[in-house]
Amino acid sequence: MIDPERLLSSRAKSVDGSGIRRAFQLGARLIDPINLSIGQPDFAVPKLLCDATVEAIRNGRNGYTMTGGADDLRQSISSYVSSDVGWDMTSSDASDLLVTSGTSGALLLAFMVLCDAGCEAIVPDPWFVVYPTLGPMTGTTIVPCDTYDDFRMTAARVEPLITDRTKIVLINSPGNPTGVVLTDDEMRDLADLCVSRGIMLVSDEIYDLFTFADGRSDSGPSPSPARYTQDMLLIRGFGKTYGCTGWRMGWAAGPSWLISEMGKFQQYSFVCAPSMAQAGLVGAFDIDMSETLNLFERRRNMVREILGPVTDISDCRGAFYSFVKVPEHLGMTGTAFSELAIEQKVVTIPGGVFSSRDTHIRLSFACQDDKLRKGLEILRDLM
């Protein structure tokens, strides 16, 4: 007889299933639920990108690309990075860029390359659900940085956590689950701290386009530490920005010594990002997404308008999430409140899925306006 307990690795046993998936499963049992849990854009992929991808398939771009990515997409990304953050990346064969299978693929490669057993990585609390699992997957010790109650991962909060074992400081702005956007000054301070201590700053900027007017600055559409140093790893992607999350398309830019090692590990794991999607996204940076951004900003304002008077809400200036505190007078955890909301056919995610605390819920406003308003009004009444 096969004994799973003997065969399964300690690594597998130490990683729990995503609490987000459990919420999806609960929501799937409901008839016509109001789903405020899903972290996926609710708009269609721009037609230009769909047409280009279909054309690529028909024209035979279905085989492997080079591990680092197809030349035309690399050139497009390099030009974009050069104009957006000022890095010198104008050569399409530059060794400081890697096209990856999603931003999660980039994060896993970075941790595999930088960390050994016993190394430490500082991540924000609350976190994106992938961050703590990078620990057991790579042998890294994850050190949470408590950012309550303003959810800002600042240099002042990070510095006391640094030890001689720290290899990585991982930031996420605009953030999931909070929507918080760090300022230019906060980004500069983090960059300076990490450079001075010889630590790799990894900036997960998957929601960079989704930075609302009150989160932007003169330095660029979305504040980034990449405008203050090139001794860091910049990770962005296409999935959230263009509604093509299932295409699994991200990229990482940084020091050539790091990118080349990540490419080596990609060669023996993901091999390359999906070839037809690479071809289809070459013109992505030329697409105007301002109308979509304005729609999501109006939805964010709706969340503030309806829930702001009854509870504390994260200062969401980007992404499409709000981290909403369960009022203390209810005497409930985030998990208990989410279960109560499901009884009213409103699906949210308990804050404990993203944090060592279970005092909040995460709601996504990637939801049609009429359903969003109805769901928010139900949550307000429950509070």
Protein backbone atom coordinates (compact mmCIF):
# COMPACT_ATOMS: atom_id res chain seq x y z
CA MET A 1 0.00 0.00 0.00
CA ILE A 2 1.11 3.57 -0.74
CA ASP A 3 1.58 5.57 2.45
CA PRO A 4 1.16 9.29 1.65
CA GLU A 5 2.54 10.29 5.04
CA ARG A 6 5.82 8.56 4.23
CA LEU A 7 6.04 9.81 0.65
CA LEU A 8 4.97 13.43 1.05
CA SER A 9 7.77 15.87 1.80
CA SER A 10 7.83 18.08 4.86
CA ARG A 11 7.74 20.95 2.39
CA ALA A 12 4.37 19.82 1.03
CA LYS A 13 2.97 19.24 4.51
CA SER A 14 3.96 22.73 5.63
CA VAL A 15 2.06 24.53 2.88
CA ASP A 16 -1.68 24.89 3.43
CA GLY A 17 -4.19 25.38 0.65
CA SER A 18 -5.10 28.98 -0.13
CA GLY A 19 -7.85 30.46 2.00
CA ILE A 20 -8.89 32.39 -1.09
CA ARG A 21 -9.65 29.14 -2.90
CA ARG A 22 -11.76 28.00 0.04
CA ALA A 23 -13.81 31.19 -0.24
CA PHE A 24 -14.26 30.55 -3.96
CA GLN A 25 -15.55 27.06 -3.17
CA LEU A 26 -18.04 28.40 -0.64
CA GLY A 27 -19.21 31.03 -3.11
CA ALA A 28 -19.64 28.40 -5.81
CA ARG A 29 -22.32 26.74 -3.69
CA LEU A 30 -24.45 29.88 -3.65
CA ILE A 31 -27.07 30.82 -6.21
CA ASP A 32 -26.33 34.24 -7.72
CA PRO A 33 -23.78 35.32 -5.07
CA ILE A 34 -22.26 38.79 -4.80
CA ASN A 35 -18.63 37.83 -5.14
CA LEU A 36 -16.34 40.45 -3.62
CA SER A 37 -13.55 37.94 -3.10
CA ILE A 38 -12.01 37.46 -6.50
CA GLY A 39 -8.67 39.12 -7.25
CA GLN A 40 -9.23 39.11 -10.98
CA PRO A 41 -10.17 42.02 -13.25
CA ASP A 42 -13.76 41.97 -14.49
CA PHE A 43 -13.02 43.61 -17.86
CA ALA A 44 -12.25 41.95 -21.17
CA VAL A 45 -8.73 41.66 -22.53
CA PRO A 46 -8.21 44.49 -25.06
CA LYS A 47 -9.14 43.30 -28.54
CA LEU A 48 -5.77 44.33 -29.94
CA LEU A 49 -4.01 41.88 -27.61
CA CYS A 50 -6.46 39.07 -28.29
CA ASP A 51 -6.12 39.50 -32.04
CA ALA A 52 -2.32 39.61 -31.84
CA THR A 53 -2.25 36.42 -29.76
CA VAL A 54 -4.59 34.55 -32.10
CA GLU A 55 -2.51 35.71 -35.06
CA ALA A 56 0.63 34.48 -33.33
CA ILE A 57 -0.91 31.03 -32.87
CA ARG A 58 -1.98 30.88 -36.50
CA ASN A 59 1.44 32.04 -37.65
CA GLY A 60 3.19 29.26 -35.77
CA ARG A 61 4.56 31.05 -32.70
CA ASN A 62 3.68 28.05 -30.57
CA GLY A 63 7.08 26.59 -29.72
CA TYR A 64 9.62 27.48 -27.09
CA THR A 65 11.13 30.94 -26.96
CA MET A 66 14.53 31.60 -25.46
CA THR A 67 14.36 31.20 -21.69
CA GLY A 68 14.76 34.95 -21.20
CA GLY A 69 11.86 35.75 -23.51
CA ALA A 70 11.15 36.52 -27.15
CA ASP A 71 13.25 39.35 -28.59
CA ASP A 72 10.31 41.56 -29.61
CA LEU A 73 8.68 41.43 -26.19
CA ARG A 74 12.03 41.95 -24.44
CA GLN A 75 12.60 45.06 -26.56
CA SER A 76 9.13 46.35 -25.68
CA ILE A 77 9.65 45.81 -21.95
CA SER A 78 13.17 47.26 -22.03
CA SER A 79 11.97 50.46 -23.69
CA TYR A 80 9.14 50.74 -21.18
CA VAL A 81 11.42 50.29 -18.17
CA SER A 82 13.88 52.82 -19.55
CA SER A 83 11.17 55.44 -19.96
CA ASP A 84 9.28 54.66 -16.74
CA VAL A 85 12.02 54.30 -14.13
CA GLY A 86 15.08 55.57 -16.00
CA TRP A 87 17.13 52.38 -16.15
CA ASP A 88 19.44 51.95 -19.13
CA MET A 89 17.80 48.95 -20.76
CA THR A 90 17.60 49.96 -24.40
CA SER A 91 19.22 46.77 -25.77
CA SER A 92 16.84 43.90 -26.51
CA ASP A 93 19.52 41.35 -25.62
CA ALA A 94 20.25 42.93 -22.23
CA SER A 95 20.98 40.37 -19.52
CA ASP A 96 19.09 42.35 -16.87
CA LEU A 97 15.58 41.31 -17.98
CA LEU A 98 13.69 38.01 -17.71
CA VAL A 99 10.18 37.30 -19.04
CA THR A 100 8.55 34.97 -16.50
CA SER A 101 5.50 32.77 -16.04
CA GLY A 102 3.57 35.35 -14.06
CA THR A 103 4.88 37.50 -11.25
CA SER A 104 4.56 34.56 -8.86
CA GLY A 105 6.99 32.69 -11.12
CA ALA A 106 9.42 35.59 -10.84
CA LEU A 107 9.14 35.63 -7.05
CA LEU A 108 9.77 31.89 -6.76
CA LEU A 109 12.83 32.10 -9.02
CA ALA A 110 14.23 35.01 -7.02
CA PHE A 111 13.86 33.17 -3.71
CA MET A 112 15.36 29.99 -5.16
CA VAL A 113 18.39 31.92 -6.39
CA LEU A 114 18.99 34.15 -3.36
CA CYS A 115 18.07 32.02 -0.35
CA ASP A 116 19.43 28.94 1.37
CA ALA A 117 18.02 27.19 4.41
CA GLY A 118 18.31 29.56 7.36
CA CYS A 119 18.23 32.74 5.29
CA GLU A 120 15.61 35.33 6.13
CA ALA A 121 13.22 37.38 4.02
CA ILE A 122 11.22 40.28 5.44
CA VAL A 123 7.67 40.54 4.06
CA PRO A 124 4.74 42.78 4.95
CA ASP A 125 1.97 41.72 7.31
CA PRO A 126 -0.68 41.73 5.83
CA TRP A 127 0.78 39.89 2.86
CA PHE A 128 -0.14 38.48 -0.52
CA VAL A 129 -0.83 34.79 0.13
CA VAL A 130 2.16 33.59 -1.92
CA TYR A 131 4.71 35.38 0.29
CA PRO A 132 4.67 33.13 3.38
CA THR A 133 4.64 29.97 1.24
CA LEU A 134 7.91 31.03 -0.38
CA GLY A 135 9.47 30.12 2.96
CA PRO A 136 8.82 26.37 3.06
CA MET A 137 9.16 26.10 -0.73
CA THR A 138 12.72 27.43 -0.64
CA GLY A 139 13.89 26.85 2.94
CA THR A 140 13.73 30.56 3.74
CA THR A 141 12.63 31.89 7.12
CA ILE A 142 9.85 34.43 6.52
CA VAL A 143 9.99 37.41 8.89
CA PRO A 144 6.70 39.36 8.95
CA CYS A 145 6.84 43.14 9.23
CA ASP A 146 3.85 44.36 11.23
CA THR A 147 2.33 47.27 9.30
CA TYR A 148 -0.89 47.71 11.29
CA ASP A 149 -2.84 50.03 11.41
CA ASP A 150 -1.83 52.15 8.40
CA PHE A 151 -0.39 49.18 6.43
CA ARG A 152 2.75 51.04 5.34
CA MET A 153 5.94 48.98 5.13
CA THR A 154 8.43 51.71 5.91
CA ALA A 155 12.19 51.63 6.41
CA ALA A 156 11.66 52.47 10.09
CA ARG A 157 9.60 49.30 10.52
CA VAL A 158 11.90 47.13 8.42
CA GLU A 159 15.28 48.10 9.88
CA PRO A 160 14.81 46.53 13.37
CA LEU A 161 14.00 43.21 11.68
CA ILE A 162 17.25 43.01 9.70
CA THR A 163 19.82 40.46 10.87
CA ASP A 164 23.00 39.04 9.36
CA ARG A 165 20.78 36.33 7.83
CA THR A 166 18.51 38.74 5.95
CA LYS A 167 18.75 38.30 2.19
CA ILE A 168 15.51 39.85 0.92
CA VAL A 169 13.11 42.66 1.77
CA LEU A 170 9.92 42.14 -0.23
CA ILE A 171 7.51 45.03 -0.73
CA ASN A 172 4.19 45.19 -2.57
CA SER A 173 2.82 48.57 -3.65
CA PRO A 174 0.03 49.05 -4.60
CA GLY A 175 -0.62 46.34 -2.08
CA ASN A 176 -2.72 43.22 -1.87
CA PRO A 177 -4.84 42.98 0.31
CA THR A 178 -4.80 46.63 1.40
CA GLY A 179 -4.54 48.75 -1.75
CA VAL A 180 -2.04 50.97 0.09
CA VAL A 181 0.48 52.83 -2.10
CA LEU A 182 3.83 53.83 -0.59
CA THR A 183 5.05 57.37 -1.23
CA ASP A 184 8.16 58.41 -3.15
CA ASP A 185 9.92 59.21 0.11
CA GLU A 186 9.04 55.83 1.62
CA MET A 187 10.30 54.09 -1.50
CA ARG A 188 13.55 56.06 -1.47
CA ASP A 189 14.14 55.29 2.21
CA LEU A 190 13.63 51.55 1.64
CA ALA A 191 15.96 51.58 -1.35
CA ASP A 192 18.65 53.41 0.61
CA LEU A 193 18.29 51.07 3.58
CA CYS A 194 18.61 47.90 1.53
CA VAL A 195 21.56 49.15 -0.52
CA SER A 196 23.38 50.28 2.62
CA ARG A 197 22.87 46.89 4.29
CA GLY A 198 23.64 44.77 1.23
CA ILE A 199 20.13 43.32 1.03
CA MET A 200 18.14 42.63 -2.14
CA LEU A 201 15.03 44.78 -2.26
CA VAL A 202 12.34 42.95 -4.26
CA SER A 203 9.47 45.18 -5.37
CA ASP A 204 6.31 43.36 -6.45
CA GLU A 205 4.50 45.93 -8.58
CA ILE A 206 1.89 43.76 -10.30
CA TYR A 207 -0.74 46.50 -9.70
CA ASP A 208 1.42 49.41 -10.89
CA LEU A 209 -1.13 50.62 -13.48
CA PHE A 210 -3.88 50.51 -10.87
CA THR A 211 -2.59 53.54 -9.00
CA PHE A 212 -5.31 56.11 -8.48
CA ALA A 213 -4.92 59.88 -8.73
CA ASP A 214 -4.36 60.29 -4.97
CA GLY A 215 -1.55 57.69 -5.05
CA ARG A 216 0.45 59.05 -7.97
CA SER A 217 3.40 61.40 -7.77
CA ASP A 218 5.55 63.56 -10.00
CA SER A 219 8.13 60.77 -10.33
CA GLY A 220 5.86 58.54 -12.40
CA PRO A 221 2.44 56.90 -12.63
CA SER A 222 3.15 54.73 -9.59
CA PRO A 223 5.88 55.34 -6.96
CA SER A 224 8.68 52.77 -7.23
CA PRO A 225 12.05 52.25 -5.51
CA ALA A 226 13.44 51.52 -8.99
CA ARG A 227 13.63 55.28 -9.56
CA TYR A 228 16.30 55.48 -6.82
CA THR A 229 18.43 52.40 -7.41
CA GLN A 230 19.10 49.69 -9.96
CA ASP A 231 20.52 47.41 -7.26
CA MET A 232 17.15 45.76 -6.69
CA LEU A 233 14.71 43.40 -8.37
CA LEU A 234 11.70 44.99 -10.07
CA ILE A 235 8.81 42.61 -10.76
CA ARG A 236 5.76 43.56 -12.81
CA GLY A 237 3.31 41.77 -15.06
CA PHE A 238 0.54 41.95 -17.61
CA GLY A 239 -2.24 39.85 -16.08
CA LYS A 240 -3.94 42.39 -13.82
CA THR A 241 -3.30 45.39 -16.07
CA TYR A 242 -4.85 43.89 -19.19
CA GLY A 243 -7.26 41.34 -17.70
CA CYS A 244 -5.26 38.34 -18.96
CA THR A 245 -4.37 36.69 -15.65
CA GLY A 246 -4.63 33.20 -17.16
CA TRP A 247 -1.95 33.98 -19.74
CA ARG A 248 0.62 33.85 -16.89
CA MET A 249 2.84 36.67 -18.09
CA GLY A 250 5.25 38.62 -15.89
CA TRP A 251 8.76 39.97 -16.01
CA ALA A 252 11.66 40.78 -13.74
CA ALA A 253 14.40 43.37 -14.18
CA GLY A 254 17.47 43.82 -12.04
CA PRO A 255 21.23 43.23 -11.75
CA SER A 256 22.56 40.98 -14.50
CA TRP A 257 24.19 38.61 -11.99
CA LEU A 258 20.77 37.96 -10.42
CA ILE A 259 18.73 37.82 -13.62
CA SER A 260 21.16 35.36 -15.24
CA GLU A 261 20.84 32.99 -12.27
CA MET A 262 17.06 33.29 -12.30
CA GLY A 263 17.15 32.48 -16.01
CA LYS A 264 19.16 29.36 -15.27
CA PHE A 265 16.54 28.15 -12.81
CA GLN A 266 13.72 29.06 -15.20
CA GLN A 267 15.39 26.96 -17.89
CA TYR A 268 15.04 23.87 -15.69
CA SER A 269 11.55 24.63 -14.35
CA PHE A 270 9.13 26.86 -16.28
CA VAL A 271 11.40 26.71 -19.40
CA CYS A 272 9.86 29.90 -20.79
CA ALA A 273 6.71 31.98 -20.50
CA PRO A 274 3.87 31.03 -22.91
CA SER A 275 5.12 31.84 -26.40
CA MET A 276 1.85 32.94 -28.00
CA ALA A 277 1.10 35.25 -25.07
CA GLN A 278 4.57 36.78 -25.37
CA ALA A 279 3.86 37.56 -29.03
CA GLY A 280 0.42 38.94 -28.28
CA LEU A 281 1.62 41.36 -25.61
CA VAL A 282 4.34 43.11 -27.60
CA GLY A 283 2.09 46.16 -28.14
CA ALA A 284 0.56 46.19 -24.64
CA PHE A 285 2.33 49.30 -23.37
CA ASP A 286 0.80 51.39 -26.17
CA ILE A 287 -2.77 50.66 -25.04
CA ASP A 288 -4.58 53.41 -23.15
CA MET A 289 -6.12 51.86 -20.01
CA SER A 290 -7.14 55.19 -18.43
CA GLU A 291 -10.88 54.55 -18.83
CA THR A 292 -10.56 51.27 -16.94
CA LEU A 293 -8.46 52.92 -14.24
CA ASN A 294 -11.07 55.66 -13.81
CA LEU A 295 -13.79 53.01 -13.46
CA PHE A 296 -11.90 51.29 -10.66
CA GLU A 297 -11.22 54.59 -8.93
CA ARG A 298 -14.95 55.34 -8.93
CA ARG A 299 -15.58 51.91 -7.43
CA ARG A 300 -12.98 52.60 -4.74
CA ASN A 301 -14.83 55.81 -3.94
CA MET A 302 -18.05 53.82 -3.62
CA VAL A 303 -16.40 51.58 -1.00
CA ARG A 304 -15.32 54.66 0.97
CA GLU A 305 -18.76 56.25 0.69
CA ILE A 306 -20.71 53.22 1.92
CA LEU A 307 -18.39 51.58 4.46
CA GLY A 308 -16.36 54.58 5.63
CA PRO A 309 -19.04 55.83 8.06
CA VAL A 310 -19.32 52.48 9.87
CA THR A 311 -15.76 51.14 10.12
CA ASP A 312 -12.06 51.66 9.38
CA ILE A 313 -10.91 51.04 5.81
CA SER A 314 -7.37 50.82 4.51
CA ASP A 315 -6.17 53.92 2.67
CA CYS A 316 -6.67 52.26 -0.69
CA ARG A 317 -5.00 54.32 -3.42
CA GLY A 318 -4.33 51.48 -5.82
CA ALA A 319 -5.04 47.86 -6.82
CA PHE A 320 -8.70 46.87 -6.48
CA TYR A 321 -8.94 45.82 -2.85
CA SER A 322 -9.97 47.36 0.44
CA PHE A 323 -8.94 45.88 3.78
CA VAL A 324 -11.94 46.51 5.99
CA LYS A 325 -11.88 46.23 9.78
CA VAL A 326 -14.60 44.22 11.47
CA PRO A 327 -16.05 46.68 14.02
CA GLU A 328 -14.93 45.77 17.51
CA HIS A 329 -18.42 46.09 18.94
CA LEU A 330 -19.41 42.98 16.97
CA GLY A 331 -16.88 40.88 18.88
CA MET A 332 -16.16 38.84 15.74
CA THR A 333 -13.09 37.69 13.87
CA GLY A 334 -12.70 38.32 10.19
CA THR A 335 -13.44 34.65 9.58
CA ALA A 336 -16.68 34.78 11.58
CA PHE A 337 -17.79 37.95 9.81
CA SER A 338 -17.04 36.47 6.39
CA GLU A 339 -19.16 33.45 7.29
CA LEU A 340 -21.96 35.77 8.38
CA ALA A 341 -21.72 37.66 5.10
CA ILE A 342 -21.90 34.40 3.12
CA GLU A 343 -25.27 33.76 4.75
CA GLN A 344 -26.35 36.94 2.94
CA LYS A 345 -24.73 35.68 -0.30
CA VAL A 346 -21.83 38.14 -0.09
CA VAL A 347 -18.42 36.49 -0.50
CA THR A 348 -15.35 38.16 1.03
CA ILE A 349 -11.99 36.85 2.28
CA PRO A 350 -11.14 36.74 6.01
CA GLY A 351 -8.20 38.91 6.96
CA GLY A 352 -6.51 35.94 8.63
CA VAL A 353 -5.80 34.51 5.17
CA PHE A 354 -3.42 37.43 4.62
CA SER A 355 -2.11 38.07 8.10
CA SER A 356 -1.15 36.83 11.54
CA ARG A 357 -4.26 38.72 12.70
CA ASP A 358 -7.88 37.98 11.84
CA THR A 359 -9.44 41.38 12.46
CA HIS A 360 -10.37 42.43 8.92
CA ILE A 361 -11.90 41.23 5.69
CA ARG A 362 -10.58 41.81 2.19
CA LEU A 363 -13.07 42.83 -0.41
CA SER A 364 -12.38 43.19 -4.11
CA PHE A 365 -14.16 45.85 -6.11
CA ALA A 366 -13.42 44.07 -9.39
CA CYS A 367 -17.16 43.61 -9.58
CA GLN A 368 -19.95 45.16 -11.64
CA ASP A 369 -21.17 48.40 -10.10
CA ASP A 370 -24.72 47.32 -9.28
CA LYS A 371 -23.59 44.14 -7.53
CA LEU A 372 -20.79 45.97 -5.76
CA ARG A 373 -23.20 48.57 -4.36
CA LYS A 374 -25.65 45.91 -3.22
CA GLY A 375 -22.89 43.88 -1.56
CA LEU A 376 -21.43 46.91 0.19
CA GLU A 377 -24.84 47.90 1.52
CA ILE A 378 -25.33 44.40 2.93
CA LEU A 379 -21.91 44.55 4.61
CA ARG A 380 -22.70 47.99 6.02
CA ASP A 381 -25.94 46.74 7.52
CA LEU A 382 -24.18 43.73 9.05
CA MET A 383 -21.67 46.11 10.66
